[in-house]
């Protein structure tokens, strides 16, 4: 692995870790010692080569597809990435349970899996939206409009859905 490639890979690893609000020691604690802070740090600096197997395990630990960690996996400026789907959990708490119950349970499950309890917002993936659409027996675009009307999703979410459906 070239040192430039290792540094780019390391930068992606660091970006994912920091997006999740984890320090290097936080990774070690959350993984119950499986991922040593010194090892993850050396991967992030590009000082240590990571095997494909370990990279796949680390991607699984972070809950991201392996390709998200690979340098050059996103075409540089070829297309604007779709906006993130971010649920406003504070507003969701004010939507009647008979309407938002399934979404509240789904969000709570994601929070539990990620150990993410900030209580204000929660990023979800396109696949999550498709799953929720099945639960609500609606198309992703119709569900998106409903969530926007509840104030749970920002109107930018429309672009994410139209990008996904194109």
C-alpha atoms as a PDB file:
ATOM      1  CA  UNK A   1       0.000   0.000   0.000  1.00  0.00           C
ATOM      2  CA  UNK A   2       1.493   3.351  -0.998  1.00  0.00           C
ATOM      3  CA  UNK A   3       2.017   5.794   1.835  1.00  0.00           C
ATOM      4  CA  UNK A   4      -0.274   8.337   0.133  1.00  0.00           C
ATOM      5  CA  UNK A   5      -3.036   5.759  -0.141  1.00  0.00           C
ATOM      6  CA  UNK A   6      -2.510   4.770   3.505  1.00  0.00           C
ATOM      7  CA  UNK A   7      -2.810   8.423   4.557  1.00  0.00           C
ATOM      8  CA  UNK A   8      -6.025   8.868   2.539  1.00  0.00           C
ATOM      9  CA  UNK A   9      -7.450   5.668   4.021  1.00  0.00           C
ATOM     10  CA  UNK A  10      -6.452   6.883   7.473  1.00  0.00           C
ATOM     11  CA  UNK A  11      -8.157  10.225   6.888  1.00  0.00           C
ATOM     12  CA  UNK A  12     -11.384   8.415   5.982  1.00  0.00           C
ATOM     13  CA  UNK A  13     -11.115   6.240   9.096  1.00  0.00           C
ATOM     14  CA  UNK A  14     -10.568   9.328  11.264  1.00  0.00           C
ATOM     15  CA  UNK A  15     -13.484  11.152   9.639  1.00  0.00           C
ATOM     16  CA  UNK A  16     -15.881   8.251  10.329  1.00  0.00           C
ATOM     17  CA  UNK A  17     -14.653   7.943  13.926  1.00  0.00           C
ATOM     18  CA  UNK A  18     -15.022  11.656  14.629  1.00  0.00           C
ATOM     19  CA  UNK A  19     -18.450  11.786  12.937  1.00  0.00           C
ATOM     20  CA  UNK A  20     -19.519   9.216  15.484  1.00  0.00           C
ATOM     21  CA  UNK A  21     -18.145  11.362  18.291  1.00  0.00           C
ATOM     22  CA  UNK A  22     -15.558   8.793  19.318  1.00  0.00           C
ATOM     23  CA  UNK A  23     -12.039   9.446  20.545  1.00  0.00           C
ATOM     24  CA  UNK A  24      -9.396   6.782  19.961  1.00  0.00           C
ATOM     25  CA  UNK A  25      -9.851   5.674  23.557  1.00  0.00           C
ATOM     26  CA  UNK A  26     -13.611   5.750  23.014  1.00  0.00           C
ATOM     27  CA  UNK A  27     -13.175   3.230  20.195  1.00  0.00           C
ATOM     28  CA  UNK A  28     -11.181   0.989  22.518  1.00  0.00           C
ATOM     29  CA  UNK A  29     -13.815   1.266  25.253  1.00  0.00           C
ATOM     30  CA  UNK A  30     -16.804   0.795  22.934  1.00  0.00           C
ATOM     31  CA  UNK A  31     -15.146  -2.253  21.343  1.00  0.00           C
ATOM     32  CA  UNK A  32     -14.292  -3.639  24.800  1.00  0.00           C
ATOM     33  CA  UNK A  33     -10.606  -3.672  23.915  1.00  0.00           C
ATOM     34  CA  UNK A  34     -10.967  -5.378  20.537  1.00  0.00           C
ATOM     35  CA  UNK A  35      -9.713  -2.214  18.810  1.00  0.00           C
ATOM     36  CA  UNK A  36      -6.709  -0.770  20.615  1.00  0.00           C
ATOM     37  CA  UNK A  37      -6.440   3.019  20.494  1.00  0.00           C
ATOM     38  CA  UNK A  38      -2.787   2.861  19.473  1.00  0.00           C
ATOM     39  CA  UNK A  39      -3.557   0.517  16.548  1.00  0.00           C
ATOM     40  CA  UNK A  40      -6.527   2.536  15.246  1.00  0.00           C
ATOM     41  CA  UNK A  41      -4.431   5.706  15.595  1.00  0.00           C
ATOM     42  CA  UNK A  42      -1.611   4.166  13.572  1.00  0.00           C
ATOM     43  CA  UNK A  43      -4.116   3.160  10.853  1.00  0.00           C
ATOM     44  CA  UNK A  44      -5.453   6.720  10.822  1.00  0.00           C
ATOM     45  CA  UNK A  45      -1.977   8.239  10.500  1.00  0.00           C
ATOM     46  CA  UNK A  46      -1.104   5.809   7.717  1.00  0.00           C
ATOM     47  CA  UNK A  47       1.801   4.454   9.795  1.00  0.00           C
ATOM     48  CA  UNK A  48       0.462   0.923   9.792  1.00  0.00           C
ATOM     49  CA  UNK A  49      -1.024  -1.096   6.932  1.00  0.00           C
ATOM     50  CA  UNK A  50      -4.494  -2.479   7.540  1.00  0.00           C
ATOM     51  CA  UNK A  51      -5.468  -5.841   6.071  1.00  0.00           C
ATOM     52  CA  UNK A  52      -8.636  -6.193   4.049  1.00  0.00           C
ATOM     53  CA  UNK A  53     -10.053  -8.431   6.792  1.00  0.00           C
ATOM     54  CA  UNK A  54      -9.332  -5.881   9.541  1.00  0.00           C
ATOM     55  CA  UNK A  55     -10.688  -3.043   7.393  1.00  0.00           C
ATOM     56  CA  UNK A  56     -13.939  -4.987   6.875  1.00  0.00           C
ATOM     57  CA  UNK A  57     -14.149  -5.625  10.633  1.00  0.00           C
ATOM     58  CA  UNK A  58     -13.511  -1.951  11.387  1.00  0.00           C
ATOM     59  CA  UNK A  59     -16.182  -0.895   8.863  1.00  0.00           C
ATOM     60  CA  UNK A  60     -18.597  -3.281  10.563  1.00  0.00           C
ATOM     61  CA  UNK A  61     -17.689  -1.844  13.976  1.00  0.00           C
ATOM     62  CA  UNK A  62     -18.400   1.695  12.706  1.00  0.00           C
ATOM     63  CA  UNK A  63     -21.554   0.520  10.924  1.00  0.00           C
ATOM     64  CA  UNK A  64     -20.501   1.751   7.491  1.00  0.00           C
ATOM     65  CA  UNK A  65     -19.964  -0.030   4.156  1.00  0.00           C
ATOM     66  CA  UNK A  66     -16.300  -0.859   3.498  1.00  0.00           C
ATOM     67  CA  UNK A  67     -16.327   1.286   0.334  1.00  0.00           C
ATOM     68  CA  UNK A  68     -16.965   4.348   2.531  1.00  0.00           C
ATOM     69  CA  UNK A  69     -13.501   3.843   3.996  1.00  0.00           C
ATOM     70  CA  UNK A  70     -11.663   3.421   0.705  1.00  0.00           C
ATOM     71  CA  UNK A  71      -9.909   6.421  -0.834  1.00  0.00           C
ATOM     72  CA  UNK A  72     -11.308   7.467  -4.182  1.00  0.00           C
ATOM     73  CA  UNK A  73     -14.563   5.605  -3.582  1.00  0.00           C
ATOM     74  CA  UNK A  74     -16.523   8.809  -4.082  1.00  0.00           C
ATOM     75  CA  UNK A  75     -15.957  10.408  -7.480  1.00  0.00           C
ATOM     76  CA  UNK A  76     -14.291  13.742  -6.787  1.00  0.00           C
ATOM     77  CA  UNK A  77     -16.930  16.322  -7.507  1.00  0.00           C
ATOM     78  CA  UNK A  78     -18.594  14.201 -10.172  1.00  0.00           C
ATOM     79  CA  UNK A  79     -21.954  14.519  -8.473  1.00  0.00           C
ATOM     80  CA  UNK A  80     -23.172  16.372  -5.450  1.00  0.00           C
ATOM     81  CA  UNK A  81     -23.880  13.851  -2.706  1.00  0.00           C
ATOM     82  CA  UNK A  82     -27.491  13.659  -1.641  1.00  0.00           C
ATOM     83  CA  UNK A  83     -28.293  15.564   1.520  1.00  0.00           C
ATOM     84  CA  UNK A  84     -28.257  13.622   4.750  1.00  0.00           C
ATOM     85  CA  UNK A  85     -31.520  12.442   6.193  1.00  0.00           C
ATOM     86  CA  UNK A  86     -31.608  13.841   9.716  1.00  0.00           C
ATOM     87  CA  UNK A  87     -34.533  13.200  12.016  1.00  0.00           C
ATOM     88  CA  UNK A  88     -35.342  15.942  14.512  1.00  0.00           C
ATOM     89  CA  UNK A  89     -35.913  13.818  17.618  1.00  0.00           C
ATOM     90  CA  UNK A  90     -37.140  16.751  19.683  1.00  0.00           C
ATOM     91  CA  UNK A  91     -39.953  17.407  17.192  1.00  0.00           C
ATOM     92  CA  UNK A  92     -40.627  13.682  16.835  1.00  0.00           C
ATOM     93  CA  UNK A  93     -41.378  13.547  20.564  1.00  0.00           C
ATOM     94  CA  UNK A  94     -44.282  15.975  19.975  1.00  0.00           C
ATOM     95  CA  UNK A  95     -45.905  13.984  17.156  1.00  0.00           C
ATOM     96  CA  UNK A  96     -48.811  11.864  18.482  1.00  0.00           C
ATOM     97  CA  UNK A  97     -47.763   8.263  19.147  1.00  0.00           C
ATOM     98  CA  UNK A  98     -50.581   6.889  16.988  1.00  0.00           C
ATOM     99  CA  UNK A  99     -48.897   8.583  14.001  1.00  0.00           C
ATOM    100  CA  UNK A 100     -45.218   8.376  14.900  1.00  0.00           C
ATOM    101  CA  UNK A 101     -45.040   5.242  17.069  1.00  0.00           C
ATOM    102  CA  UNK A 102     -43.302   3.053  14.463  1.00  0.00           C
ATOM    103  CA  UNK A 103     -40.820   5.833  13.640  1.00  0.00           C
ATOM    104  CA  UNK A 104     -40.119   6.465  17.338  1.00  0.00           C
ATOM    105  CA  UNK A 105     -39.430   2.747  17.933  1.00  0.00           C
ATOM    106  CA  UNK A 106     -37.246   2.528  14.814  1.00  0.00           C
ATOM    107  CA  UNK A 107     -35.251   5.613  15.860  1.00  0.00           C
ATOM    108  CA  UNK A 108     -34.836   4.217  19.386  1.00  0.00           C
ATOM    109  CA  UNK A 109     -33.482   0.972  17.924  1.00  0.00           C
ATOM    110  CA  UNK A 110     -30.943   2.839  15.773  1.00  0.00           C
ATOM    111  CA  UNK A 111     -29.887   4.915  18.793  1.00  0.00           C
ATOM    112  CA  UNK A 112     -29.427   1.762  20.836  1.00  0.00           C
ATOM    113  CA  UNK A 113     -27.369   0.047  18.130  1.00  0.00           C
ATOM    114  CA  UNK A 114     -25.136   3.097  17.681  1.00  0.00           C
ATOM    115  CA  UNK A 115     -24.973   4.047  21.341  1.00  0.00           C
ATOM    116  CA  UNK A 116     -26.073   7.500  20.155  1.00  0.00           C
ATOM    117  CA  UNK A 117     -28.263   9.148  22.747  1.00  0.00           C
ATOM    118  CA  UNK A 118     -27.818  12.877  22.096  1.00  0.00           C
ATOM    119  CA  UNK A 119     -31.616  13.088  21.904  1.00  0.00           C
ATOM    120  CA  UNK A 120     -31.706  16.010  19.472  1.00  0.00           C
ATOM    121  CA  UNK A 121     -31.120  14.589  15.998  1.00  0.00           C
ATOM    122  CA  UNK A 122     -30.477  11.227  14.385  1.00  0.00           C
ATOM    123  CA  UNK A 123     -28.996  10.615  10.943  1.00  0.00           C
ATOM    124  CA  UNK A 124     -30.655   7.824   9.019  1.00  0.00           C
ATOM    125  CA  UNK A 125     -29.690   6.151   5.785  1.00  0.00           C
ATOM    126  CA  UNK A 126     -31.644   5.775   2.544  1.00  0.00           C
ATOM    127  CA  UNK A 127     -32.177   2.111   3.449  1.00  0.00           C
ATOM    128  CA  UNK A 128     -33.721   3.177   6.759  1.00  0.00           C
ATOM    129  CA  UNK A 129     -36.157   5.430   4.917  1.00  0.00           C
ATOM    130  CA  UNK A 130     -37.086   2.598   2.542  1.00  0.00           C
ATOM    131  CA  UNK A 131     -37.658   0.283   5.522  1.00  0.00           C
ATOM    132  CA  UNK A 132     -39.815   2.899   7.236  1.00  0.00           C
ATOM    133  CA  UNK A 133     -41.788   3.359   4.011  1.00  0.00           C
ATOM    134  CA  UNK A 134     -42.590  -0.373   4.062  1.00  0.00           C
ATOM    135  CA  UNK A 135     -43.632  -0.140   7.730  1.00  0.00           C
ATOM    136  CA  UNK A 136     -45.893   2.826   6.937  1.00  0.00           C
ATOM    137  CA  UNK A 137     -47.093   1.174   3.691  1.00  0.00           C
ATOM    138  CA  UNK A 138     -46.102   4.221   1.631  1.00  0.00           C
ATOM    139  CA  UNK A 139     -43.529   5.080  -0.994  1.00  0.00           C
ATOM    140  CA  UNK A 140     -40.329   6.719   0.313  1.00  0.00           C
ATOM    141  CA  UNK A 141     -41.304  10.014  -1.337  1.00  0.00           C
ATOM    142  CA  UNK A 142     -44.799  10.048   0.230  1.00  0.00           C
ATOM    143  CA  UNK A 143     -43.355   9.160   3.643  1.00  0.00           C
ATOM    144  CA  UNK A 144     -40.738  11.890   3.243  1.00  0.00           C
ATOM    145  CA  UNK A 145     -43.480  14.449   2.622  1.00  0.00           C
ATOM    146  CA  UNK A 146     -45.318  13.225   5.711  1.00  0.00           C
ATOM    147  CA  UNK A 147     -42.190  13.477   7.866  1.00  0.00           C
ATOM    148  CA  UNK A 148     -41.508  16.977   6.520  1.00  0.00           C
ATOM    149  CA  UNK A 149     -45.089  17.996   7.372  1.00  0.00           C
ATOM    150  CA  UNK A 150     -44.546  16.700  10.935  1.00  0.00           C
ATOM    151  CA  UNK A 151     -41.395  18.829  11.140  1.00  0.00           C
ATOM    152  CA  UNK A 152     -39.291  15.716  11.701  1.00  0.00           C
ATOM    153  CA  UNK A 153     -37.308  15.988   8.444  1.00  0.00           C
ATOM    154  CA  UNK A 154     -35.914  19.098   6.781  1.00  0.00           C
ATOM    155  CA  UNK A 155     -37.296  19.922   3.327  1.00  0.00           C
ATOM    156  CA  UNK A 156     -33.826  19.163   1.873  1.00  0.00           C
ATOM    157  CA  UNK A 157     -34.732  15.506   2.401  1.00  0.00           C
ATOM    158  CA  UNK A 158     -36.777  15.730  -0.815  1.00  0.00           C
ATOM    159  CA  UNK A 159     -33.532  15.962  -2.789  1.00  0.00           C
ATOM    160  CA  UNK A 160     -32.168  12.877  -1.041  1.00  0.00           C
ATOM    161  CA  UNK A 161     -35.258  10.874  -1.973  1.00  0.00           C
ATOM    162  CA  UNK A 162     -35.398  12.130  -5.560  1.00  0.00           C
ATOM    163  CA  UNK A 163     -31.660  11.369  -5.894  1.00  0.00           C
ATOM    164  CA  UNK A 164     -32.281   7.834  -4.605  1.00  0.00           C
ATOM    165  CA  UNK A 165     -35.272   7.208  -6.865  1.00  0.00           C
ATOM    166  CA  UNK A 166     -33.498   8.407 -10.036  1.00  0.00           C
END
